[in-house]
Amino acid sequence: MPNPFIPESFEPPKLFDSECFHFRVLEEAVAELDFEAVMSSQKRLQGIFGPEFDWPKTDMTLEENKKSLKVHKQEFETREAFAYSVFTNSKEKCLGSVYIDPSQSQNYDCEVYLWVRDDSITLDKALYQTVLSWLQNEWPFSKIAFPGRCISWEDWANELKVV
């Protein structure tokens, strides 16, 4: 990577607590709770990373989920990308996830994807606002892209010059 995703001096938080949410690194330790949240909302989540993505597949297994979470943790440790599992403040229920990735566009510092499980969808706007505020106030980003949310997939494809 020609430019580091985040400055060497910045220490990405492993935990974050807000009024409504508790974030922790997305890793194998939360695999079962994460898997349940993902599969409870599987149909709606397809396309969360773009129209061409079919994650999560209807036949995804817990083992496949564990492998994916290991990758997320490794990316976190190597500072390539940062994924968080989102819980209630009581830390008993997995509500969804937040993914902070280097931007594919030179016009943005990062691209962010997030989701909330179907039975907690009323928290979607609060999660988005929490993540946006957190990234603006505590992370070293000035231009944050939320493809598929604040930027349509069509506009994002044009941004990336993928036609």
C-alpha atoms as a PDB file:
ATOM      1  CA  MET A   1       0.000   0.000   0.000  1.00  0.00           C
ATOM      2  CA  PRO A   2       1.638   3.286  -1.069  1.00  0.00           C
ATOM      3  CA  ASN A   3       0.132   5.309   1.796  1.00  0.00           C
ATOM      4  CA  PRO A   4      -0.635   3.805   5.171  1.00  0.00           C
ATOM      5  CA  PHE A   5      -4.326   3.404   5.870  1.00  0.00           C
ATOM      6  CA  ILE A   6      -3.926   5.034   9.287  1.00  0.00           C
ATOM      7  CA  PRO A   7      -0.920   6.823  10.783  1.00  0.00           C
ATOM      8  CA  GLU A   8       1.525   4.652  12.716  1.00  0.00           C
ATOM      9  CA  SER A   9       0.926   6.898  15.734  1.00  0.00           C
ATOM     10  CA  PHE A  10      -2.808   6.114  15.802  1.00  0.00           C
ATOM     11  CA  GLU A  11      -3.848   3.201  17.981  1.00  0.00           C
ATOM     12  CA  PRO A  12      -7.177   1.821  16.750  1.00  0.00           C
ATOM     13  CA  PRO A  13      -9.520   1.181  19.667  1.00  0.00           C
ATOM     14  CA  LYS A  14     -10.299  -2.439  20.509  1.00  0.00           C
ATOM     15  CA  LEU A  15     -13.486  -1.409  22.326  1.00  0.00           C
ATOM     16  CA  PHE A  16     -15.921   1.461  22.055  1.00  0.00           C
ATOM     17  CA  ASP A  17     -18.983   2.200  24.149  1.00  0.00           C
ATOM     18  CA  SER A  18     -21.718   4.673  23.318  1.00  0.00           C
ATOM     19  CA  GLU A  19     -25.114   5.404  24.784  1.00  0.00           C
ATOM     20  CA  CYS A  20     -26.694   2.498  22.852  1.00  0.00           C
ATOM     21  CA  PHE A  21     -23.864   0.241  21.718  1.00  0.00           C
ATOM     22  CA  HIS A  22     -20.778  -1.717  22.704  1.00  0.00           C
ATOM     23  CA  PHE A  23     -18.231  -2.363  19.932  1.00  0.00           C
ATOM     24  CA  ARG A  24     -15.481  -4.955  20.154  1.00  0.00           C
ATOM     25  CA  VAL A  25     -13.070  -6.396  17.623  1.00  0.00           C
ATOM     26  CA  LEU A  26     -14.832  -8.833  15.311  1.00  0.00           C
ATOM     27  CA  GLU A  27     -13.069 -12.100  16.081  1.00  0.00           C
ATOM     28  CA  GLU A  28     -13.635 -15.806  16.573  1.00  0.00           C
ATOM     29  CA  ALA A  29     -14.580 -15.313  20.243  1.00  0.00           C
ATOM     30  CA  VAL A  30     -17.925 -13.850  19.117  1.00  0.00           C
ATOM     31  CA  ALA A  31     -18.475 -16.341  16.284  1.00  0.00           C
ATOM     32  CA  GLU A  32     -21.634 -17.996  17.584  1.00  0.00           C
ATOM     33  CA  LEU A  33     -23.384 -14.740  18.498  1.00  0.00           C
ATOM     34  CA  ASP A  34     -22.260 -13.151  15.231  1.00  0.00           C
ATOM     35  CA  PHE A  35     -23.386 -16.165  13.195  1.00  0.00           C
ATOM     36  CA  GLU A  36     -26.832 -16.074  14.789  1.00  0.00           C
ATOM     37  CA  ALA A  37     -27.156 -12.338  14.049  1.00  0.00           C
ATOM     38  CA  VAL A  38     -25.969 -12.762  10.449  1.00  0.00           C
ATOM     39  CA  MET A  39     -28.190 -15.713   9.651  1.00  0.00           C
ATOM     40  CA  SER A  40     -31.245 -14.148  11.322  1.00  0.00           C
ATOM     41  CA  SER A  41     -30.933 -11.339   8.774  1.00  0.00           C
ATOM     42  CA  GLN A  42     -29.302 -13.225   5.901  1.00  0.00           C
ATOM     43  CA  LYS A  43     -31.665 -12.232   3.113  1.00  0.00           C
ATOM     44  CA  ARG A  44     -31.551  -8.493   3.850  1.00  0.00           C
ATOM     45  CA  LEU A  45     -27.755  -8.501   4.300  1.00  0.00           C
ATOM     46  CA  GLN A  46     -27.011  -9.823   0.838  1.00  0.00           C
ATOM     47  CA  GLY A  47     -25.566  -6.931  -1.115  1.00  0.00           C
ATOM     48  CA  ILE A  48     -24.458  -4.963   1.981  1.00  0.00           C
ATOM     49  CA  PHE A  49     -20.944  -4.796   0.461  1.00  0.00           C
ATOM     50  CA  GLY A  50     -22.247  -4.108  -3.039  1.00  0.00           C
ATOM     51  CA  PRO A  51     -24.740  -5.492  -5.522  1.00  0.00           C
ATOM     52  CA  GLU A  52     -22.321  -8.179  -6.737  1.00  0.00           C
ATOM     53  CA  PHE A  53     -21.737  -9.646  -3.258  1.00  0.00           C
ATOM     54  CA  ASP A  54     -23.919 -12.523  -2.105  1.00  0.00           C
ATOM     55  CA  TRP A  55     -22.633 -12.653   1.475  1.00  0.00           C
ATOM     56  CA  PRO A  56     -24.002 -14.214   3.562  1.00  0.00           C
ATOM     57  CA  LYS A  57     -24.882 -17.293   1.565  1.00  0.00           C
ATOM     58  CA  THR A  58     -27.969 -19.183   2.699  1.00  0.00           C
ATOM     59  CA  ASP A  59     -25.873 -22.271   3.454  1.00  0.00           C
ATOM     60  CA  MET A  60     -23.046 -20.486   5.299  1.00  0.00           C
ATOM     61  CA  THR A  61     -21.842 -22.592   8.225  1.00  0.00           C
ATOM     62  CA  LEU A  62     -20.585 -21.623  11.659  1.00  0.00           C
ATOM     63  CA  GLU A  63     -17.153 -22.949  10.661  1.00  0.00           C
ATOM     64  CA  GLU A  64     -17.076 -20.681   7.595  1.00  0.00           C
ATOM     65  CA  ASN A  65     -18.058 -17.785   9.824  1.00  0.00           C
ATOM     66  CA  LYS A  66     -15.242 -18.589  12.265  1.00  0.00           C
ATOM     67  CA  LYS A  67     -12.718 -18.577   9.391  1.00  0.00           C
ATOM     68  CA  SER A  68     -14.010 -15.201   8.231  1.00  0.00           C
ATOM     69  CA  LEU A  69     -13.752 -13.745  11.730  1.00  0.00           C
ATOM     70  CA  LYS A  70     -10.154 -14.966  12.015  1.00  0.00           C
ATOM     71  CA  VAL A  71      -9.373 -13.011   8.831  1.00  0.00           C
ATOM     72  CA  HIS A  72     -11.044  -9.896  10.259  1.00  0.00           C
ATOM     73  CA  LYS A  73      -8.979 -10.164  13.438  1.00  0.00           C
ATOM     74  CA  GLN A  74      -5.750 -10.612  11.472  1.00  0.00           C
ATOM     75  CA  GLU A  75      -6.592  -7.571   9.332  1.00  0.00           C
ATOM     76  CA  PHE A  76      -7.162  -5.613  12.541  1.00  0.00           C
ATOM     77  CA  GLU A  77      -3.832  -6.727  14.006  1.00  0.00           C
ATOM     78  CA  THR A  78      -1.959  -5.839  10.809  1.00  0.00           C
ATOM     79  CA  ARG A  79      -3.857  -2.523  10.551  1.00  0.00           C
ATOM     80  CA  GLU A  80      -5.191  -3.367   7.079  1.00  0.00           C
ATOM     81  CA  ALA A  81      -8.883  -2.976   8.025  1.00  0.00           C
ATOM     82  CA  PHE A  82     -10.948  -2.719  11.179  1.00  0.00           C
ATOM     83  CA  ALA A  83     -14.073  -4.744  11.842  1.00  0.00           C
ATOM     84  CA  TYR A  84     -16.175  -4.529  14.967  1.00  0.00           C
ATOM     85  CA  SER A  85     -18.992  -6.590  16.341  1.00  0.00           C
ATOM     86  CA  VAL A  86     -21.793  -4.412  17.670  1.00  0.00           C
ATOM     87  CA  PHE A  87     -23.524  -5.464  20.877  1.00  0.00           C
ATOM     88  CA  THR A  88     -26.120  -4.039  23.189  1.00  0.00           C
ATOM     89  CA  ASN A  89     -24.635  -2.189  26.158  1.00  0.00           C
ATOM     90  CA  SER A  90     -25.365  -5.281  28.259  1.00  0.00           C
ATOM     91  CA  LYS A  91     -23.064  -7.180  25.840  1.00  0.00           C
ATOM     92  CA  GLU A  92     -25.556 -10.057  25.676  1.00  0.00           C
ATOM     93  CA  LYS A  93     -26.942  -9.624  22.176  1.00  0.00           C
ATOM     94  CA  CYS A  94     -24.996  -9.200  18.960  1.00  0.00           C
ATOM     95  CA  LEU A  95     -26.756  -6.481  16.978  1.00  0.00           C
ATOM     96  CA  GLY A  96     -24.547  -6.340  13.883  1.00  0.00           C
ATOM     97  CA  SER A  97     -21.144  -5.269  12.613  1.00  0.00           C
ATOM     98  CA  VAL A  98     -19.112  -2.281  11.440  1.00  0.00           C
ATOM     99  CA  TYR A  99     -16.345  -2.571   8.832  1.00  0.00           C
ATOM    100  CA  ILE A 100     -13.787   0.212   8.318  1.00  0.00           C
ATOM    101  CA  ASP A 101     -11.742  -0.404   5.182  1.00  0.00           C
ATOM    102  CA  PRO A 102      -9.183   1.607   3.233  1.00  0.00           C
ATOM    103  CA  SER A 103     -10.977   3.466   0.485  1.00  0.00           C
ATOM    104  CA  GLN A 104     -10.753   2.195  -3.052  1.00  0.00           C
ATOM    105  CA  SER A 105     -11.235   5.841  -4.095  1.00  0.00           C
ATOM    106  CA  GLN A 106      -8.495   8.399  -3.636  1.00  0.00           C
ATOM    107  CA  ASN A 107     -11.227  10.926  -2.800  1.00  0.00           C
ATOM    108  CA  TYR A 108     -11.962   9.247   0.554  1.00  0.00           C
ATOM    109  CA  ASP A 109      -9.864   8.127   3.511  1.00  0.00           C
ATOM    110  CA  CYS A 110     -11.959   5.071   4.238  1.00  0.00           C
ATOM    111  CA  GLU A 111     -15.099   3.242   3.254  1.00  0.00           C
ATOM    112  CA  VAL A 112     -17.432   1.996   5.932  1.00  0.00           C
ATOM    113  CA  TYR A 113     -20.106  -0.679   5.896  1.00  0.00           C
ATOM    114  CA  LEU A 114     -22.423  -1.479   8.772  1.00  0.00           C
ATOM    115  CA  TRP A 115     -25.495  -3.509   9.468  1.00  0.00           C
ATOM    116  CA  VAL A 116     -28.040  -4.238  12.175  1.00  0.00           C
ATOM    117  CA  ARG A 117     -29.921  -7.510  12.537  1.00  0.00           C
ATOM    118  CA  ASP A 118     -33.540  -7.602  11.370  1.00  0.00           C
ATOM    119  CA  ASP A 119     -35.123  -7.726  14.836  1.00  0.00           C
ATOM    120  CA  SER A 120     -33.203  -4.566  15.820  1.00  0.00           C
ATOM    121  CA  ILE A 121     -33.511  -2.656  12.534  1.00  0.00           C
ATOM    122  CA  THR A 122     -34.953   0.347  14.378  1.00  0.00           C
ATOM    123  CA  LEU A 123     -31.390   0.908  15.676  1.00  0.00           C
ATOM    124  CA  ASP A 124     -29.930   1.234  12.162  1.00  0.00           C
ATOM    125  CA  LYS A 125     -30.032   5.037  12.042  1.00  0.00           C
ATOM    126  CA  ALA A 126     -28.632   5.324  15.590  1.00  0.00           C
ATOM    127  CA  LEU A 127     -25.786   2.949  14.679  1.00  0.00           C
ATOM    128  CA  TYR A 128     -24.967   4.940  11.545  1.00  0.00           C
ATOM    129  CA  GLN A 129     -24.958   8.242  13.490  1.00  0.00           C
ATOM    130  CA  THR A 130     -22.835   6.689  16.265  1.00  0.00           C
ATOM    131  CA  VAL A 131     -20.282   5.302  13.801  1.00  0.00           C
ATOM    132  CA  LEU A 132     -20.120   8.545  11.808  1.00  0.00           C
ATOM    133  CA  SER A 133     -19.562  10.628  14.949  1.00  0.00           C
ATOM    134  CA  TRP A 134     -17.005   8.151  16.334  1.00  0.00           C
ATOM    135  CA  LEU A 135     -15.008   8.132  13.099  1.00  0.00           C
ATOM    136  CA  GLN A 136     -15.113  11.918  12.741  1.00  0.00           C
ATOM    137  CA  ASN A 137     -14.141  12.600  16.361  1.00  0.00           C
ATOM    138  CA  GLU A 138     -11.781   9.796  17.311  1.00  0.00           C
ATOM    139  CA  TRP A 139     -10.247   8.436  14.114  1.00  0.00           C
ATOM    140  CA  PRO A 140      -7.794  10.161  11.740  1.00  0.00           C
ATOM    141  CA  PHE A 141     -10.282  10.389   8.852  1.00  0.00           C
ATOM    142  CA  SER A 142     -11.633  13.528   7.224  1.00  0.00           C
ATOM    143  CA  LYS A 143     -13.445  12.005   4.229  1.00  0.00           C
ATOM    144  CA  ILE A 144     -15.545   8.945   5.044  1.00  0.00           C
ATOM    145  CA  ALA A 145     -17.513   7.032   2.398  1.00  0.00           C
ATOM    146  CA  PHE A 146     -20.554   4.917   3.233  1.00  0.00           C
ATOM    147  CA  PRO A 147     -21.131   3.098  -0.092  1.00  0.00           C
ATOM    148  CA  GLY A 148     -24.680   1.853  -0.516  1.00  0.00           C
ATOM    149  CA  ARG A 149     -25.859   4.144   2.267  1.00  0.00           C
ATOM    150  CA  CYS A 150     -24.840   7.782   1.632  1.00  0.00           C
ATOM    151  CA  ILE A 151     -23.451   7.080  -1.823  1.00  0.00           C
ATOM    152  CA  SER A 152     -25.554   4.977  -4.185  1.00  0.00           C
ATOM    153  CA  TRP A 153     -23.915   1.859  -5.570  1.00  0.00           C
ATOM    154  CA  GLU A 154     -24.125   3.412  -9.032  1.00  0.00           C
ATOM    155  CA  ASP A 155     -22.371   6.582  -7.882  1.00  0.00           C
ATOM    156  CA  TRP A 156     -19.784   4.532  -5.999  1.00  0.00           C
ATOM    157  CA  ALA A 157     -19.073   2.492  -9.129  1.00  0.00           C
ATOM    158  CA  ASN A 158     -18.605   5.757 -11.026  1.00  0.00           C
ATOM    159  CA  GLU A 159     -16.357   7.038  -8.212  1.00  0.00           C
ATOM    160  CA  LEU A 160     -14.201   3.959  -8.668  1.00  0.00           C
ATOM    161  CA  LYS A 161     -14.460   4.260 -12.444  1.00  0.00           C
ATOM    162  CA  VAL A 162     -15.948   0.781 -12.612  1.00  0.00           C
ATOM    163  CA  VAL A 163     -18.570   0.912 -15.310  1.00  0.00           C
END
